Amino acid sequence: MNAIEDLLGAALPDLPEAAIGQLAALGRTRHFDPDDRLFTMDEPAETFHVVRSGLVAVEVEGPSGGPATIETVGPGDVVGVSWLLPPHRWVFSARAIETTETVAFDAALVLDRCGRDPTLGYQVHRWFAGVIHRRLMAARLRVLDLYGARP
């Protein structure tokens, strides 16, 4: 296994090794300096990232007009889920907090591969369902933090 396969194997332990190899072949290493944007809210969502090292802030524009951090993610975590569903535009922004390395995946290539391999497609969608759930819960907690609990 190579480094990308190792990263995916840890993130997707139920996925067969051959499927991990197929997915890993679609990943490319990316480097981000502190404050670099991985993507920006409302732009086309054409990739997703798995963090290899560093930290990434998942952000939304806050009530004061500045960014509000919904969640901070690190090694092994996924950044970017909007590529899965129309209209394929980023719902959040993502920014490197520190020097960060990711494995970036072209969404069109991943969707094509998932369409041709139902086992891979099921596992990838199951993986992202968990990511979406965690992100939704983090956003919910952040909203409660920003606005306070209402009786």
N, C-alpha and C. Protein backbone atom coordinates (compact mmCIF):
# COMPACT_ATOMS: atom_id res chain seq x y z
N MET A 1 0.85 -1.20 0.00
CA MET A 1 0.00 0.00 0.00
C MET A 1 0.88 1.25 0.00
N ASN A 2 0.41 2.30 -0.66
CA ASN A 2 1.13 3.56 -0.64
C ASN A 2 0.50 4.47 0.42
N ALA A 3 1.03 5.68 0.57
CA ALA A 3 0.57 6.59 1.63
C ALA A 3 -0.90 6.97 1.47
N ILE A 4 -1.36 7.20 0.25
CA ILE A 4 -2.76 7.55 0.03
C ILE A 4 -3.65 6.36 0.36
N GLU A 5 -3.24 5.17 -0.03
CA GLU A 5 -4.02 3.97 0.30
C GLU A 5 -4.08 3.76 1.81
N ASP A 6 -2.96 4.01 2.51
CA ASP A 6 -2.95 3.89 3.98
C ASP A 6 -3.93 4.87 4.61
N LEU A 7 -3.94 6.11 4.12
CA LEU A 7 -4.85 7.13 4.65
C LEU A 7 -6.30 6.72 4.42
N LEU A 8 -6.62 6.25 3.22
CA LEU A 8 -7.99 5.84 2.92
C LEU A 8 -8.37 4.56 3.66
N GLY A 9 -7.43 3.66 3.81
CA GLY A 9 -7.69 2.43 4.54
C GLY A 9 -8.08 2.71 5.98
N ALA A 10 -7.44 3.69 6.59
CA ALA A 10 -7.79 4.07 7.96
C ALA A 10 -9.15 4.74 8.01
N ALA A 11 -9.48 5.55 6.99
CA ALA A 11 -10.76 6.27 6.96
C ALA A 11 -11.91 5.36 6.56
N LEU A 12 -11.63 4.33 5.76
CA LEU A 12 -12.65 3.43 5.23
C LEU A 12 -12.29 1.98 5.53
N PRO A 13 -12.28 1.59 6.81
CA PRO A 13 -11.79 0.24 7.14
C PRO A 13 -12.62 -0.90 6.56
N ASP A 14 -13.88 -0.66 6.19
CA ASP A 14 -14.73 -1.72 5.65
C ASP A 14 -14.58 -1.90 4.14
N LEU A 15 -13.86 -1.00 3.50
CA LEU A 15 -13.73 -1.05 2.05
C LEU A 15 -12.64 -2.05 1.67
N PRO A 16 -12.94 -2.95 0.73
CA PRO A 16 -11.92 -3.92 0.30
C PRO A 16 -10.67 -3.22 -0.24
N GLU A 17 -9.54 -3.87 -0.08
CA GLU A 17 -8.25 -3.29 -0.49
C GLU A 17 -8.24 -2.88 -1.96
N ALA A 18 -8.86 -3.68 -2.82
CA ALA A 18 -8.88 -3.35 -4.25
C ALA A 18 -9.64 -2.05 -4.49
N ALA A 19 -10.74 -1.84 -3.77
CA ALA A 19 -11.53 -0.62 -3.92
C ALA A 19 -10.76 0.58 -3.38
N ILE A 20 -10.02 0.38 -2.29
CA ILE A 20 -9.19 1.47 -1.77
C ILE A 20 -8.15 1.86 -2.81
N GLY A 21 -7.58 0.87 -3.47
CA GLY A 21 -6.61 1.16 -4.52
C GLY A 21 -7.21 1.95 -5.67
N GLN A 22 -8.46 1.60 -6.05
CA GLN A 22 -9.14 2.34 -7.12
C GLN A 22 -9.35 3.80 -6.73
N LEU A 23 -9.81 4.01 -5.51
CA LEU A 23 -10.06 5.37 -5.04
C LEU A 23 -8.75 6.13 -4.86
N ALA A 24 -7.75 5.48 -4.29
CA ALA A 24 -6.46 6.14 -4.06
C ALA A 24 -5.83 6.62 -5.36
N ALA A 25 -6.05 5.87 -6.45
CA ALA A 25 -5.48 6.25 -7.75
C ALA A 25 -6.03 7.59 -8.23
N LEU A 26 -7.16 8.03 -7.67
CA LEU A 26 -7.79 9.28 -8.09
C LEU A 26 -7.34 10.47 -7.24
N GLY A 27 -6.57 10.22 -6.17
CA GLY A 27 -6.18 11.28 -5.24
C GLY A 27 -4.85 11.92 -5.61
N ARG A 28 -4.75 13.20 -5.33
CA ARG A 28 -3.53 13.97 -5.57
C ARG A 28 -3.20 14.78 -4.32
N THR A 29 -1.94 14.76 -3.93
CA THR A 29 -1.50 15.51 -2.76
C THR A 29 -1.52 17.01 -3.04
N ARG A 30 -2.04 17.76 -2.06
CA ARG A 30 -2.09 19.23 -2.15
C ARG A 30 -1.48 19.82 -0.89
N HIS A 31 -0.86 20.97 -1.02
CA HIS A 31 -0.24 21.68 0.10
C HIS A 31 -0.93 23.03 0.28
N PHE A 32 -1.21 23.37 1.53
CA PHE A 32 -1.83 24.65 1.85
C PHE A 32 -1.06 25.31 2.98
N ASP A 33 -0.74 26.59 2.81
CA ASP A 33 -0.12 27.37 3.87
C ASP A 33 -1.22 27.91 4.79
N PRO A 34 -0.85 28.37 5.99
CA PRO A 34 -1.87 28.94 6.88
C PRO A 34 -2.66 30.04 6.19
N ASP A 35 -3.96 30.01 6.39
CA ASP A 35 -4.95 30.94 5.83
C ASP A 35 -5.27 30.72 4.36
N ASP A 36 -4.63 29.75 3.70
CA ASP A 36 -5.02 29.40 2.33
C ASP A 36 -6.41 28.77 2.36
N ARG A 37 -7.20 29.06 1.34
CA ARG A 37 -8.54 28.47 1.21
C ARG A 37 -8.46 27.17 0.41
N LEU A 38 -9.10 26.14 0.94
CA LEU A 38 -9.26 24.91 0.18
C LEU A 38 -10.40 25.10 -0.80
N PHE A 39 -11.45 25.79 -0.35
CA PHE A 39 -12.57 26.17 -1.19
C PHE A 39 -13.38 27.24 -0.48
N THR A 40 -14.26 27.91 -1.24
CA THR A 40 -15.03 29.04 -0.71
C THR A 40 -16.52 28.80 -0.93
N MET A 41 -17.29 29.13 0.10
CA MET A 41 -18.73 28.96 0.08
C MET A 41 -19.34 29.54 -1.20
N ASP A 42 -20.27 28.80 -1.77
CA ASP A 42 -21.07 29.13 -2.95
C ASP A 42 -20.32 29.00 -4.28
N GLU A 43 -19.06 28.62 -4.25
CA GLU A 43 -18.36 28.33 -5.51
C GLU A 43 -18.67 26.88 -5.92
N PRO A 44 -18.40 26.51 -7.18
CA PRO A 44 -18.65 25.14 -7.61
C PRO A 44 -17.85 24.13 -6.76
N ALA A 45 -18.52 23.07 -6.34
CA ALA A 45 -17.91 22.02 -5.53
C ALA A 45 -17.46 20.90 -6.46
N GLU A 46 -16.17 20.85 -6.74
CA GLU A 46 -15.64 19.91 -7.72
C GLU A 46 -14.62 18.95 -7.14
N THR A 47 -14.31 19.09 -5.86
CA THR A 47 -13.32 18.23 -5.21
C THR A 47 -13.76 17.92 -3.79
N PHE A 48 -13.07 17.00 -3.17
CA PHE A 48 -13.10 16.86 -1.72
C PHE A 48 -11.70 16.51 -1.28
N HIS A 49 -11.41 16.71 0.01
CA HIS A 49 -10.07 16.50 0.54
C HIS A 49 -10.12 15.57 1.74
N VAL A 50 -9.08 14.77 1.88
CA VAL A 50 -8.83 14.03 3.11
C VAL A 50 -7.55 14.63 3.68
N VAL A 51 -7.61 15.10 4.92
CA VAL A 51 -6.46 15.76 5.54
C VAL A 51 -5.40 14.72 5.90
N ARG A 52 -4.18 14.97 5.43
CA ARG A 52 -3.04 14.12 5.80
C ARG A 52 -2.33 14.68 7.02
N SER A 53 -2.13 15.99 7.04
CA SER A 53 -1.49 16.65 8.18
C SER A 53 -1.99 18.08 8.25
N GLY A 54 -1.94 18.64 9.45
CA GLY A 54 -2.38 20.01 9.64
C GLY A 54 -3.81 20.08 10.14
N LEU A 55 -4.34 21.30 10.15
CA LEU A 55 -5.71 21.54 10.61
C LEU A 55 -6.43 22.45 9.63
N VAL A 56 -7.72 22.19 9.46
CA VAL A 56 -8.56 22.95 8.54
C VAL A 56 -9.80 23.42 9.29
N ALA A 57 -10.14 24.69 9.14
CA ALA A 57 -11.37 25.24 9.71
C ALA A 57 -12.46 25.17 8.65
N VAL A 58 -13.58 24.56 9.02
CA VAL A 58 -14.78 24.56 8.17
C VAL A 58 -15.59 25.74 8.66
N GLU A 59 -15.87 26.69 7.76
CA GLU A 59 -16.44 27.97 8.17
C GLU A 59 -17.71 28.32 7.39
N VAL A 60 -18.49 29.18 8.02
CA VAL A 60 -19.65 29.78 7.38
C VAL A 60 -19.62 31.26 7.75
N GLU A 61 -20.17 32.08 6.90
CA GLU A 61 -20.20 33.50 7.21
C GLU A 61 -21.07 33.73 8.43
N GLY A 62 -20.53 34.39 9.44
CA GLY A 62 -21.21 34.60 10.70
C GLY A 62 -22.13 35.81 10.66
N PRO A 63 -22.88 36.03 11.75
CA PRO A 63 -23.82 37.14 11.79
C PRO A 63 -23.15 38.50 11.72
N SER A 64 -21.88 38.58 12.08
CA SER A 64 -21.17 39.86 12.02
C SER A 64 -20.52 40.08 10.66
N GLY A 65 -20.69 39.13 9.76
CA GLY A 65 -20.10 39.23 8.43
C GLY A 65 -18.78 38.51 8.30
N GLY A 66 -18.15 38.18 9.42
CA GLY A 66 -16.90 37.44 9.39
C GLY A 66 -17.15 35.94 9.45
N PRO A 67 -16.12 35.15 9.24
CA PRO A 67 -16.32 33.71 9.28
C PRO A 67 -16.54 33.19 10.69
N ALA A 68 -17.42 32.22 10.82
CA ALA A 68 -17.65 31.50 12.07
C ALA A 68 -17.21 30.06 11.82
N THR A 69 -16.34 29.55 12.66
CA THR A 69 -15.85 28.18 12.49
C THR A 69 -16.92 27.21 12.98
N ILE A 70 -17.33 26.32 12.10
CA ILE A 70 -18.31 25.28 12.42
C ILE A 70 -17.59 24.10 13.05
N GLU A 71 -16.43 23.76 12.50
CA GLU A 71 -15.70 22.60 12.96
C GLU A 71 -14.24 22.74 12.52
N THR A 72 -13.35 22.19 13.31
CA THR A 72 -11.94 22.11 12.94
C THR A 72 -11.63 20.64 12.71
N VAL A 73 -11.04 20.34 11.56
CA VAL A 73 -10.75 18.95 11.22
C VAL A 73 -9.25 18.76 11.04
N GLY A 74 -8.81 17.52 11.28
CA GLY A 74 -7.39 17.22 11.20
C GLY A 74 -7.14 15.94 10.44
N PRO A 75 -5.97 15.35 10.65
CA PRO A 75 -5.57 14.17 9.89
C PRO A 75 -6.61 13.04 9.90
N GLY A 76 -6.89 12.54 8.69
CA GLY A 76 -7.86 11.47 8.52
C GLY A 76 -9.28 11.95 8.29
N ASP A 77 -9.53 13.24 8.52
CA ASP A 77 -10.88 13.79 8.35
C ASP A 77 -11.10 14.25 6.91
N VAL A 78 -12.37 14.26 6.54
CA VAL A 78 -12.79 14.71 5.21
C VAL A 78 -13.18 16.18 5.26
N VAL A 79 -12.83 16.91 4.22
CA VAL A 79 -13.25 18.30 4.05
C VAL A 79 -13.95 18.39 2.70
N GLY A 80 -15.23 18.77 2.74
CA GLY A 80 -15.98 18.95 1.51
C GLY A 80 -16.95 17.83 1.23
N VAL A 81 -18.24 18.14 1.33
CA VAL A 81 -19.27 17.14 1.02
C VAL A 81 -20.24 17.63 -0.06
N SER A 82 -20.17 18.88 -0.41
CA SER A 82 -21.14 19.47 -1.33
C SER A 82 -21.06 18.92 -2.75
N TRP A 83 -19.98 18.26 -3.09
CA TRP A 83 -19.79 17.70 -4.43
C TRP A 83 -20.76 16.55 -4.70
N LEU A 84 -21.33 15.96 -3.62
CA LEU A 84 -22.18 14.78 -3.78
C LEU A 84 -23.57 15.08 -4.36
N LEU A 85 -24.11 16.24 -4.06
CA LEU A 85 -25.51 16.52 -4.42
C LEU A 85 -25.65 17.84 -5.16
N PRO A 86 -26.59 17.90 -6.10
CA PRO A 86 -26.85 19.18 -6.77
C PRO A 86 -27.29 20.21 -5.73
N PRO A 87 -26.96 21.44 -5.90
CA PRO A 87 -26.41 22.07 -7.11
C PRO A 87 -24.88 22.03 -7.18
N HIS A 88 -24.21 21.19 -6.37
CA HIS A 88 -22.76 21.03 -6.40
C HIS A 88 -22.04 22.36 -6.18
N ARG A 89 -22.47 23.07 -5.13
CA ARG A 89 -21.84 24.33 -4.73
C ARG A 89 -21.51 24.21 -3.25
N TRP A 90 -20.39 24.79 -2.85
CA TRP A 90 -19.96 24.69 -1.46
C TRP A 90 -20.94 25.36 -0.52
N VAL A 91 -21.34 24.64 0.51
CA VAL A 91 -22.24 25.16 1.55
C VAL A 91 -21.42 25.88 2.61
N PHE A 92 -20.19 25.43 2.83
CA PHE A 92 -19.26 26.03 3.78
C PHE A 92 -17.99 26.42 3.03
N SER A 93 -17.13 27.15 3.71
CA SER A 93 -15.78 27.41 3.22
C SER A 93 -14.82 26.58 4.05
N ALA A 94 -13.62 26.37 3.54
CA ALA A 94 -12.59 25.65 4.30
C ALA A 94 -11.28 26.41 4.15
N ARG A 95 -10.60 26.57 5.30
CA ARG A 95 -9.35 27.35 5.35
C ARG A 95 -8.33 26.61 6.19
N ALA A 96 -7.09 26.55 5.70
CA ALA A 96 -6.01 25.93 6.47
C ALA A 96 -5.70 26.82 7.67
N ILE A 97 -5.65 26.22 8.84
CA ILE A 97 -5.31 26.96 10.06
C ILE A 97 -3.79 26.98 10.21
N GLU A 98 -3.16 25.92 9.81
CA GLU A 98 -1.71 25.79 9.86
C GLU A 98 -1.27 25.13 8.56
N THR A 99 0.01 24.96 8.37
CA THR A 99 0.49 24.27 7.18
C THR A 99 -0.21 22.92 7.12
N THR A 100 -0.84 22.67 5.97
CA THR A 100 -1.71 21.50 5.84
C THR A 100 -1.42 20.78 4.53
N GLU A 101 -1.45 19.46 4.60
CA GLU A 101 -1.35 18.64 3.40
C GLU A 101 -2.61 17.79 3.32
N THR A 102 -3.20 17.74 2.14
CA THR A 102 -4.40 16.93 1.93
C THR A 102 -4.19 16.02 0.73
N VAL A 103 -5.10 15.08 0.61
CA VAL A 103 -5.24 14.34 -0.63
C VAL A 103 -6.54 14.83 -1.23
N ALA A 104 -6.46 15.45 -2.40
CA ALA A 104 -7.64 16.01 -3.07
C ALA A 104 -8.13 15.03 -4.12
N PHE A 105 -9.45 14.92 -4.22
CA PHE A 105 -10.08 14.01 -5.17
C PHE A 105 -11.00 14.80 -6.09
N ASP A 106 -10.88 14.55 -7.37
CA ASP A 106 -11.76 15.15 -8.37
C ASP A 106 -13.12 14.47 -8.27
N ALA A 107 -14.15 15.24 -7.95
CA ALA A 107 -15.48 14.69 -7.71
C ALA A 107 -16.04 13.94 -8.92
N ALA A 108 -15.86 14.48 -10.11
CA ALA A 108 -16.40 13.83 -11.30
C ALA A 108 -15.78 12.45 -11.51
N LEU A 109 -14.48 12.34 -11.27
CA LEU A 109 -13.82 11.04 -11.42
C LEU A 109 -14.30 10.04 -10.36
N VAL A 110 -14.46 10.52 -9.12
CA VAL A 110 -14.93 9.64 -8.04
C VAL A 110 -16.36 9.19 -8.32
N LEU A 111 -17.24 10.12 -8.73
CA LEU A 111 -18.62 9.74 -9.03
C LEU A 111 -18.69 8.74 -10.19
N ASP A 112 -17.86 8.94 -11.20
CA ASP A 112 -17.83 8.00 -12.31
C ASP A 112 -17.40 6.61 -11.84
N ARG A 113 -16.35 6.55 -11.04
CA ARG A 113 -15.86 5.26 -10.54
C ARG A 113 -16.91 4.60 -9.64
N CYS A 114 -17.57 5.40 -8.80
CA CYS A 114 -18.62 4.86 -7.92
C CYS A 114 -19.79 4.32 -8.74
N GLY A 115 -20.11 4.98 -9.85
CA GLY A 115 -21.19 4.52 -10.72
C GLY A 115 -20.87 3.20 -11.39
N ARG A 116 -19.58 2.95 -11.64
CA ARG A 116 -19.17 1.71 -12.30
C ARG A 116 -18.91 0.58 -11.31
N ASP A 117 -18.76 0.92 -10.03
CA ASP A 117 -18.48 -0.09 -9.00
C ASP A 117 -19.44 0.14 -7.83
N PRO A 118 -20.58 -0.55 -7.80
CA PRO A 118 -21.57 -0.33 -6.74
C PRO A 118 -21.05 -0.53 -5.33
N THR A 119 -20.12 -1.43 -5.11
CA THR A 119 -19.56 -1.62 -3.77
C THR A 119 -18.79 -0.38 -3.34
N LEU A 120 -17.98 0.13 -4.23
CA LEU A 120 -17.24 1.36 -3.95
C LEU A 120 -18.22 2.51 -3.74
N GLY A 121 -19.21 2.64 -4.62
CA GLY A 121 -20.20 3.71 -4.49
C GLY A 121 -20.93 3.68 -3.16
N TYR A 122 -21.34 2.49 -2.75
CA TYR A 122 -22.03 2.35 -1.47
C TYR A 122 -21.13 2.78 -0.31
N GLN A 123 -19.90 2.30 -0.31
CA GLN A 123 -18.98 2.62 0.79
C GLN A 123 -18.65 4.12 0.83
N VAL A 124 -18.42 4.72 -0.33
CA VAL A 124 -18.11 6.15 -0.36
C VAL A 124 -19.31 6.96 0.13
N HIS A 125 -20.51 6.61 -0.32
CA HIS A 125 -21.69 7.35 0.13
C HIS A 125 -21.96 7.12 1.62
N ARG A 126 -21.72 5.92 2.09
CA ARG A 126 -21.87 5.64 3.52
C ARG A 126 -20.87 6.45 4.34
N TRP A 127 -19.64 6.53 3.86
CA TRP A 127 -18.59 7.32 4.50
C TRP A 127 -19.03 8.78 4.59
N PHE A 128 -19.51 9.33 3.47
CA PHE A 128 -19.89 10.73 3.45
C PHE A 128 -21.17 11.01 4.22
N ALA A 129 -22.05 10.02 4.35
CA ALA A 129 -23.24 10.20 5.20
C ALA A 129 -22.80 10.46 6.63
N GLY A 130 -21.79 9.75 7.10
CA GLY A 130 -21.26 9.99 8.44
C GLY A 130 -20.63 11.37 8.57
N VAL A 131 -19.90 11.78 7.55
CA VAL A 131 -19.29 13.11 7.56
C VAL A 131 -20.38 14.18 7.60
N ILE A 132 -21.42 14.02 6.77
CA ILE A 132 -22.51 14.99 6.73
C ILE A 132 -23.20 15.06 8.09
N HIS A 133 -23.42 13.92 8.71
CA HIS A 133 -24.06 13.90 10.02
C HIS A 133 -23.22 14.65 11.06
N ARG A 134 -21.93 14.37 11.09
CA ARG A 134 -21.05 15.07 12.05
C ARG A 134 -21.02 16.57 11.77
N ARG A 135 -20.98 16.95 10.51
CA ARG A 135 -20.92 18.36 10.16
C ARG A 135 -22.22 19.06 10.55
N LEU A 136 -23.37 18.39 10.34
CA LEU A 136 -24.66 18.95 10.72
C LEU A 136 -24.75 19.14 12.23
N MET A 137 -24.27 18.16 12.98
CA MET A 137 -24.29 18.28 14.44
C MET A 137 -23.38 19.40 14.91
N ALA A 138 -22.22 19.54 14.28
CA ALA A 138 -21.31 20.63 14.63
C ALA A 138 -21.93 21.98 14.32
N ALA A 139 -22.61 22.09 13.17
CA ALA A 139 -23.28 23.34 12.81
C ALA A 139 -24.39 23.66 13.80
N ARG A 140 -25.13 22.65 14.20
CA ARG A 140 -26.21 22.84 15.18
C ARG A 140 -25.65 23.37 16.49
N LEU A 141 -24.58 22.77 16.97
CA LEU A 141 -23.97 23.23 18.22
C LEU A 141 -23.42 24.64 18.09
N ARG A 142 -22.86 24.96 16.93
CA ARG A 142 -22.32 26.30 16.71
C ARG A 142 -23.43 27.34 16.69
N VAL A 143 -24.56 27.02 16.08
CA VAL A 143 -25.70 27.94 16.07
C VAL A 143 -26.20 28.18 17.49
N LEU A 144 -26.29 27.12 18.27
CA LEU A 144 -26.70 27.28 19.67
C LEU A 144 -25.69 28.14 20.43
N ASP A 145 -24.42 27.97 20.14
CA ASP A 145 -23.38 28.77 20.78
C ASP A 145 -23.48 30.23 20.38
N LEU A 146 -23.74 30.49 19.09
CA LEU A 146 -23.81 31.87 18.59
C LEU A 146 -25.07 32.60 19.08
N TYR A 147 -26.18 31.91 19.09
CA TYR A 147 -27.45 32.57 19.37
C TYR A 147 -28.02 32.23 20.73
N GLY A 148 -27.45 31.25 21.40
CA GLY A 148 -27.97 30.84 22.70
C GLY A 148 -29.22 29.97 22.54
N ALA A 149 -29.39 29.10 23.52
CA ALA A 149 -30.56 28.21 23.51
C ALA A 149 -31.81 29.03 23.73
N ARG A 150 -32.84 28.72 22.97
CA ARG A 150 -34.14 29.41 23.11
C ARG A 150 -35.10 28.45 23.82
N PRO A 151 -35.86 28.98 24.79
CA PRO A 151 -36.84 28.10 25.48
C PRO A 151 -37.96 27.67 24.58
